[in-house]
């Protein structure tokens, strides 16, 4: 099983520690005065408050619903036509481990790969449907039946960007964000890129 840690956009930025040089003064020592100066009393730093333990139930976005065994199966056509199955393999504090594998005739092709998602970090980037940029109209809801026969309520988000019309259906309360959001269907200029076939626990 190959393990690929997931680095979200905020983690891709390199962190630089800037070490400042003392301003003014020289490297030579000064002549001490004849009267010894009194050493100032230093107040010890206040102890830092301990960080609150991670609480998954306090997340705002869909990762708050995640449990081991949750899965989703998608038809994907944005790179090449294939069917992919995603599943929550492990939850350890804020880290959720996702396994994913291609399916052919409903059976896995090879061993699954894995990736890790920091749920707290992902939740900091969560957007409600009405908060998406470049909306062409307010989000609306509708009922949608999957190929597997399951029916769920989706929120339809229509946007325009880079000369393209983008329509995304999401179901934040029912589908986990295996594709950065809880996508059920995604089209660009009328071409289907992503279509949820099945999901569950």
C-alpha atoms as a PDB file:
ATOM      1  CA  UNK A   1       0.000   0.000   0.000  1.00  0.00           C
ATOM      2  CA  UNK A   2       1.498   3.321  -1.045  1.00  0.00           C
ATOM      3  CA  UNK A   3       1.004   6.235   1.329  1.00  0.00           C
ATOM      4  CA  UNK A   4       0.820   9.786  -0.013  1.00  0.00           C
ATOM      5  CA  UNK A   5       0.432  12.577   2.527  1.00  0.00           C
ATOM      6  CA  UNK A   6      -2.004  15.233   1.280  1.00  0.00           C
ATOM      7  CA  UNK A   7      -0.571  18.738   1.299  1.00  0.00           C
ATOM      8  CA  UNK A   8      -3.309  21.377   1.032  1.00  0.00           C
ATOM      9  CA  UNK A   9      -2.521  24.760  -0.476  1.00  0.00           C
ATOM     10  CA  UNK A  10      -1.705  26.410   2.865  1.00  0.00           C
ATOM     11  CA  UNK A  11       0.843  23.678   3.648  1.00  0.00           C
ATOM     12  CA  UNK A  12       2.562  24.142   0.278  1.00  0.00           C
ATOM     13  CA  UNK A  13       3.875  27.577   1.308  1.00  0.00           C
ATOM     14  CA  UNK A  14       7.425  27.352   2.660  1.00  0.00           C
ATOM     15  CA  UNK A  15       7.898  28.734   6.140  1.00  0.00           C
ATOM     16  CA  UNK A  16      10.903  30.969   6.628  1.00  0.00           C
ATOM     17  CA  UNK A  17      12.301  31.903  10.026  1.00  0.00           C
ATOM     18  CA  UNK A  18      13.793  35.391   9.791  1.00  0.00           C
ATOM     19  CA  UNK A  19      16.674  36.015  12.155  1.00  0.00           C
ATOM     20  CA  UNK A  20      17.170  39.719  12.749  1.00  0.00           C
ATOM     21  CA  UNK A  21      20.534  41.323  13.471  1.00  0.00           C
ATOM     22  CA  UNK A  22      20.797  43.717  16.381  1.00  0.00           C
ATOM     23  CA  UNK A  23      20.340  47.246  15.113  1.00  0.00           C
ATOM     24  CA  UNK A  24      22.894  49.894  16.015  1.00  0.00           C
ATOM     25  CA  UNK A  25      25.960  49.400  18.221  1.00  0.00           C
ATOM     26  CA  UNK A  26      29.201  47.726  17.315  1.00  0.00           C
ATOM     27  CA  UNK A  27      30.910  44.449  17.918  1.00  0.00           C
ATOM     28  CA  UNK A  28      33.366  45.976  20.373  1.00  0.00           C
ATOM     29  CA  UNK A  29      32.532  45.939  24.062  1.00  0.00           C
ATOM     30  CA  UNK A  30      31.956  49.214  25.873  1.00  0.00           C
ATOM     31  CA  UNK A  31      34.048  50.282  28.848  1.00  0.00           C
ATOM     32  CA  UNK A  32      32.110  49.455  31.985  1.00  0.00           C
ATOM     33  CA  UNK A  33      31.173  52.387  34.190  1.00  0.00           C
ATOM     34  CA  UNK A  34      32.796  52.716  37.560  1.00  0.00           C
ATOM     35  CA  UNK A  35      29.443  52.279  39.302  1.00  0.00           C
ATOM     36  CA  UNK A  36      28.027  48.844  38.625  1.00  0.00           C
ATOM     37  CA  UNK A  37      24.596  49.052  37.078  1.00  0.00           C
ATOM     38  CA  UNK A  38      21.764  47.234  38.729  1.00  0.00           C
ATOM     39  CA  UNK A  39      20.658  44.143  36.877  1.00  0.00           C
ATOM     40  CA  UNK A  40      17.010  44.574  35.841  1.00  0.00           C
ATOM     41  CA  UNK A  41      14.590  42.114  37.299  1.00  0.00           C
ATOM     42  CA  UNK A  42      13.250  39.826  34.573  1.00  0.00           C
ATOM     43  CA  UNK A  43       9.711  38.570  34.727  1.00  0.00           C
ATOM     44  CA  UNK A  44       9.499  34.977  33.557  1.00  0.00           C
ATOM     45  CA  UNK A  45       7.379  34.449  30.484  1.00  0.00           C
ATOM     46  CA  UNK A  46       3.815  33.528  31.198  1.00  0.00           C
ATOM     47  CA  UNK A  47       3.258  29.848  30.425  1.00  0.00           C
ATOM     48  CA  UNK A  48       1.455  29.356  27.131  1.00  0.00           C
ATOM     49  CA  UNK A  49      -2.082  28.113  27.444  1.00  0.00           C
ATOM     50  CA  UNK A  50      -2.297  24.480  26.365  1.00  0.00           C
ATOM     51  CA  UNK A  51      -3.917  23.995  22.976  1.00  0.00           C
ATOM     52  CA  UNK A  52      -7.417  22.607  23.107  1.00  0.00           C
ATOM     53  CA  UNK A  53      -7.571  18.951  22.117  1.00  0.00           C
ATOM     54  CA  UNK A  54      -8.965  18.336  18.650  1.00  0.00           C
ATOM     55  CA  UNK A  55     -12.732  17.816  18.695  1.00  0.00           C
ATOM     56  CA  UNK A  56     -14.081  16.496  15.402  1.00  0.00           C
ATOM     57  CA  UNK A  57     -17.667  17.295  16.395  1.00  0.00           C
ATOM     58  CA  UNK A  58     -16.821  21.018  16.484  1.00  0.00           C
ATOM     59  CA  UNK A  59     -15.793  21.168  12.835  1.00  0.00           C
ATOM     60  CA  UNK A  60     -17.997  23.330  10.642  1.00  0.00           C
ATOM     61  CA  UNK A  61     -17.643  21.413   7.386  1.00  0.00           C
ATOM     62  CA  UNK A  62     -18.506  17.874   6.297  1.00  0.00           C
ATOM     63  CA  UNK A  63     -15.451  16.200   7.861  1.00  0.00           C
ATOM     64  CA  UNK A  64     -17.281  16.413  11.192  1.00  0.00           C
ATOM     65  CA  UNK A  65     -19.446  13.498   9.969  1.00  0.00           C
ATOM     66  CA  UNK A  66     -16.509  11.241   9.021  1.00  0.00           C
ATOM     67  CA  UNK A  67     -16.320   7.721  10.415  1.00  0.00           C
ATOM     68  CA  UNK A  68     -14.082   4.801   9.515  1.00  0.00           C
ATOM     69  CA  UNK A  69     -15.721   2.867   6.695  1.00  0.00           C
ATOM     70  CA  UNK A  70     -17.452   5.838   5.038  1.00  0.00           C
ATOM     71  CA  UNK A  71     -17.030   5.530   1.267  1.00  0.00           C
ATOM     72  CA  UNK A  72     -17.899   7.090  -2.068  1.00  0.00           C
ATOM     73  CA  UNK A  73     -17.659   5.749  -5.628  1.00  0.00           C
ATOM     74  CA  UNK A  74     -17.245   8.177  -8.538  1.00  0.00           C
ATOM     75  CA  UNK A  75     -17.164   8.147 -12.306  1.00  0.00           C
ATOM     76  CA  UNK A  76     -14.299  10.470 -13.172  1.00  0.00           C
ATOM     77  CA  UNK A  77     -13.660  11.854 -16.631  1.00  0.00           C
ATOM     78  CA  UNK A  78     -11.557  14.969 -15.938  1.00  0.00           C
ATOM     79  CA  UNK A  79      -8.262  13.125 -16.634  1.00  0.00           C
ATOM     80  CA  UNK A  80      -9.308   9.783 -18.052  1.00  0.00           C
ATOM     81  CA  UNK A  81     -12.560   7.852 -17.861  1.00  0.00           C
ATOM     82  CA  UNK A  82     -12.474   5.593 -14.812  1.00  0.00           C
ATOM     83  CA  UNK A  83     -14.377   4.591 -11.691  1.00  0.00           C
ATOM     84  CA  UNK A  84     -12.717   5.322  -8.323  1.00  0.00           C
ATOM     85  CA  UNK A  85     -13.654   4.195  -4.818  1.00  0.00           C
ATOM     86  CA  UNK A  86     -12.656   6.301  -1.788  1.00  0.00           C
ATOM     87  CA  UNK A  87     -12.954   5.146   1.818  1.00  0.00           C
ATOM     88  CA  UNK A  88     -12.067   6.434   5.285  1.00  0.00           C
ATOM     89  CA  UNK A  89      -9.478   3.894   6.405  1.00  0.00           C
ATOM     90  CA  UNK A  90      -8.418   5.472   9.698  1.00  0.00           C
ATOM     91  CA  UNK A  91      -9.029   8.507  11.920  1.00  0.00           C
ATOM     92  CA  UNK A  92      -6.278   9.540  14.320  1.00  0.00           C
ATOM     93  CA  UNK A  93      -6.974  12.862  16.010  1.00  0.00           C
ATOM     94  CA  UNK A  94      -7.261  15.509  13.285  1.00  0.00           C
ATOM     95  CA  UNK A  95      -5.791  13.187  10.630  1.00  0.00           C
ATOM     96  CA  UNK A  96      -8.087  11.135   8.432  1.00  0.00           C
ATOM     97  CA  UNK A  97      -6.488   8.498   6.203  1.00  0.00           C
ATOM     98  CA  UNK A  98      -8.281   7.925   2.911  1.00  0.00           C
ATOM     99  CA  UNK A  99      -7.744   4.827   0.788  1.00  0.00           C
ATOM    100  CA  UNK A 100      -8.564   5.011  -2.906  1.00  0.00           C
ATOM    101  CA  UNK A 101      -8.505   2.478  -5.705  1.00  0.00           C
ATOM    102  CA  UNK A 102      -9.722   2.189  -9.289  1.00  0.00           C
ATOM    103  CA  UNK A 103     -12.567  -0.249  -9.944  1.00  0.00           C
ATOM    104  CA  UNK A 104     -13.127  -2.379 -13.038  1.00  0.00           C
ATOM    105  CA  UNK A 105     -16.423  -4.249 -13.196  1.00  0.00           C
ATOM    106  CA  UNK A 106     -16.877  -3.372  -9.526  1.00  0.00           C
ATOM    107  CA  UNK A 107     -13.598  -4.975  -8.444  1.00  0.00           C
ATOM    108  CA  UNK A 108     -10.415  -3.197  -7.270  1.00  0.00           C
ATOM    109  CA  UNK A 109      -7.535  -2.876  -9.719  1.00  0.00           C
ATOM    110  CA  UNK A 110      -4.396  -3.532  -7.664  1.00  0.00           C
ATOM    111  CA  UNK A 111      -3.827  -2.415  -4.098  1.00  0.00           C
ATOM    112  CA  UNK A 112      -5.332   0.833  -2.808  1.00  0.00           C
ATOM    113  CA  UNK A 113      -3.225   3.939  -2.309  1.00  0.00           C
ATOM    114  CA  UNK A 114      -3.700   6.195   0.698  1.00  0.00           C
ATOM    115  CA  UNK A 115      -3.488   9.858   1.530  1.00  0.00           C
ATOM    116  CA  UNK A 116      -3.785  11.803   4.770  1.00  0.00           C
ATOM    117  CA  UNK A 117      -5.975  14.854   5.276  1.00  0.00           C
ATOM    118  CA  UNK A 118      -5.700  17.241   8.211  1.00  0.00           C
ATOM    119  CA  UNK A 119      -9.374  17.757   8.997  1.00  0.00           C
ATOM    120  CA  UNK A 120      -8.765  20.889  11.062  1.00  0.00           C
ATOM    121  CA  UNK A 121      -6.769  22.509   8.264  1.00  0.00           C
ATOM    122  CA  UNK A 122      -9.317  21.514   5.621  1.00  0.00           C
ATOM    123  CA  UNK A 123     -12.128  22.839   7.801  1.00  0.00           C
ATOM    124  CA  UNK A 124     -10.440  26.239   7.917  1.00  0.00           C
ATOM    125  CA  UNK A 125     -10.937  26.434   4.131  1.00  0.00           C
ATOM    126  CA  UNK A 126     -14.503  25.165   4.119  1.00  0.00           C
ATOM    127  CA  UNK A 127     -16.975  27.353   2.239  1.00  0.00           C
ATOM    128  CA  UNK A 128     -20.726  27.191   2.427  1.00  0.00           C
ATOM    129  CA  UNK A 129     -22.391  27.129  -1.020  1.00  0.00           C
ATOM    130  CA  UNK A 130     -23.408  30.789  -0.786  1.00  0.00           C
ATOM    131  CA  UNK A 131     -19.773  31.732  -0.038  1.00  0.00           C
ATOM    132  CA  UNK A 132     -18.338  30.430  -3.326  1.00  0.00           C
ATOM    133  CA  UNK A 133     -16.861  33.095  -5.577  1.00  0.00           C
ATOM    134  CA  UNK A 134     -18.084  34.006  -9.086  1.00  0.00           C
ATOM    135  CA  UNK A 135     -21.628  32.784  -8.495  1.00  0.00           C
ATOM    136  CA  UNK A 136     -23.906  33.419 -11.460  1.00  0.00           C
ATOM    137  CA  UNK A 137     -27.049  32.852  -9.389  1.00  0.00           C
ATOM    138  CA  UNK A 138     -27.896  31.968  -5.782  1.00  0.00           C
ATOM    139  CA  UNK A 139     -27.449  28.267  -4.900  1.00  0.00           C
ATOM    140  CA  UNK A 140     -30.591  26.127  -5.110  1.00  0.00           C
ATOM    141  CA  UNK A 141     -31.546  22.652  -3.887  1.00  0.00           C
ATOM    142  CA  UNK A 142     -33.011  19.636  -5.663  1.00  0.00           C
ATOM    143  CA  UNK A 143     -33.484  15.901  -5.222  1.00  0.00           C
ATOM    144  CA  UNK A 144     -31.088  13.643  -7.126  1.00  0.00           C
ATOM    145  CA  UNK A 145     -31.113   9.851  -7.532  1.00  0.00           C
ATOM    146  CA  UNK A 146     -27.752   8.113  -7.969  1.00  0.00           C
ATOM    147  CA  UNK A 147     -27.018   5.225 -10.308  1.00  0.00           C
ATOM    148  CA  UNK A 148     -27.035   3.004  -7.197  1.00  0.00           C
ATOM    149  CA  UNK A 149     -30.660   4.005  -6.543  1.00  0.00           C
ATOM    150  CA  UNK A 150     -29.967   6.166  -3.489  1.00  0.00           C
ATOM    151  CA  UNK A 151     -31.634   9.589  -3.404  1.00  0.00           C
ATOM    152  CA  UNK A 152     -30.190  12.651  -1.700  1.00  0.00           C
ATOM    153  CA  UNK A 153     -30.731  16.389  -1.597  1.00  0.00           C
ATOM    154  CA  UNK A 154     -28.052  18.376  -3.412  1.00  0.00           C
ATOM    155  CA  UNK A 155     -27.206  22.052  -3.484  1.00  0.00           C
ATOM    156  CA  UNK A 156     -26.594  23.293  -7.030  1.00  0.00           C
ATOM    157  CA  UNK A 157     -23.812  25.870  -7.328  1.00  0.00           C
ATOM    158  CA  UNK A 158     -23.434  27.686 -10.650  1.00  0.00           C
ATOM    159  CA  UNK A 159     -20.296  29.730 -11.251  1.00  0.00           C
ATOM    160  CA  UNK A 160     -18.365  31.332 -14.059  1.00  0.00           C
ATOM    161  CA  UNK A 161     -14.593  31.486 -14.133  1.00  0.00           C
ATOM    162  CA  UNK A 162     -11.747  31.586 -16.651  1.00  0.00           C
ATOM    163  CA  UNK A 163     -14.302  31.748 -19.477  1.00  0.00           C
ATOM    164  CA  UNK A 164     -16.056  28.558 -18.358  1.00  0.00           C
ATOM    165  CA  UNK A 165     -19.464  27.789 -16.917  1.00  0.00           C
ATOM    166  CA  UNK A 166     -19.069  25.511 -13.919  1.00  0.00           C
ATOM    167  CA  UNK A 167     -21.908  23.692 -12.169  1.00  0.00           C
ATOM    168  CA  UNK A 168     -21.262  21.727  -8.998  1.00  0.00           C
ATOM    169  CA  UNK A 169     -23.749  19.750  -6.947  1.00  0.00           C
ATOM    170  CA  UNK A 170     -22.768  19.217  -3.309  1.00  0.00           C
ATOM    171  CA  UNK A 171     -24.298  17.366  -0.348  1.00  0.00           C
ATOM    172  CA  UNK A 172     -22.345  18.532   2.698  1.00  0.00           C
ATOM    173  CA  UNK A 173     -24.443  16.613   5.224  1.00  0.00           C
ATOM    174  CA  UNK A 174     -24.301  13.254   3.455  1.00  0.00           C
ATOM    175  CA  UNK A 175     -21.161  12.930   1.314  1.00  0.00           C
ATOM    176  CA  UNK A 176     -17.617  13.318   2.608  1.00  0.00           C
ATOM    177  CA  UNK A 177     -15.286  15.775   0.811  1.00  0.00           C
ATOM    178  CA  UNK A 178     -13.083  13.200  -0.890  1.00  0.00           C
ATOM    179  CA  UNK A 179     -12.693  15.731  -3.727  1.00  0.00           C
ATOM    180  CA  UNK A 180     -12.043  18.781  -1.492  1.00  0.00           C
ATOM    181  CA  UNK A 181     -15.796  19.287  -1.219  1.00  0.00           C
ATOM    182  CA  UNK A 182     -18.790  17.005  -0.890  1.00  0.00           C
ATOM    183  CA  UNK A 183     -19.323  16.889  -4.619  1.00  0.00           C
ATOM    184  CA  UNK A 184     -22.113  14.789  -6.122  1.00  0.00           C
ATOM    185  CA  UNK A 185     -21.767  15.989  -9.715  1.00  0.00           C
ATOM    186  CA  UNK A 186     -19.500  18.471 -11.450  1.00  0.00           C
ATOM    187  CA  UNK A 187     -19.721  19.802 -15.013  1.00  0.00           C
ATOM    188  CA  UNK A 188     -17.698  22.351 -16.959  1.00  0.00           C
ATOM    189  CA  UNK A 189     -19.298  23.915 -20.020  1.00  0.00           C
ATOM    190  CA  UNK A 190     -21.841  21.103 -19.999  1.00  0.00           C
ATOM    191  CA  UNK A 191     -19.250  18.288 -19.932  1.00  0.00           C
ATOM    192  CA  UNK A 192     -19.487  15.917 -16.984  1.00  0.00           C
ATOM    193  CA  UNK A 193     -16.226  15.646 -15.018  1.00  0.00           C
ATOM    194  CA  UNK A 194     -17.313  13.907 -11.851  1.00  0.00           C
ATOM    195  CA  UNK A 195     -20.411  11.882 -11.007  1.00  0.00           C
ATOM    196  CA  UNK A 196     -21.176  10.153  -7.695  1.00  0.00           C
ATOM    197  CA  UNK A 197     -22.394   6.587  -8.254  1.00  0.00           C
ATOM    198  CA  UNK A 198     -22.715   5.394  -4.658  1.00  0.00           C
ATOM    199  CA  UNK A 199     -21.838   6.387  -1.107  1.00  0.00           C
ATOM    200  CA  UNK A 200     -22.458   5.174   2.419  1.00  0.00           C
ATOM    201  CA  UNK A 201     -20.890   3.579   5.479  1.00  0.00           C
END
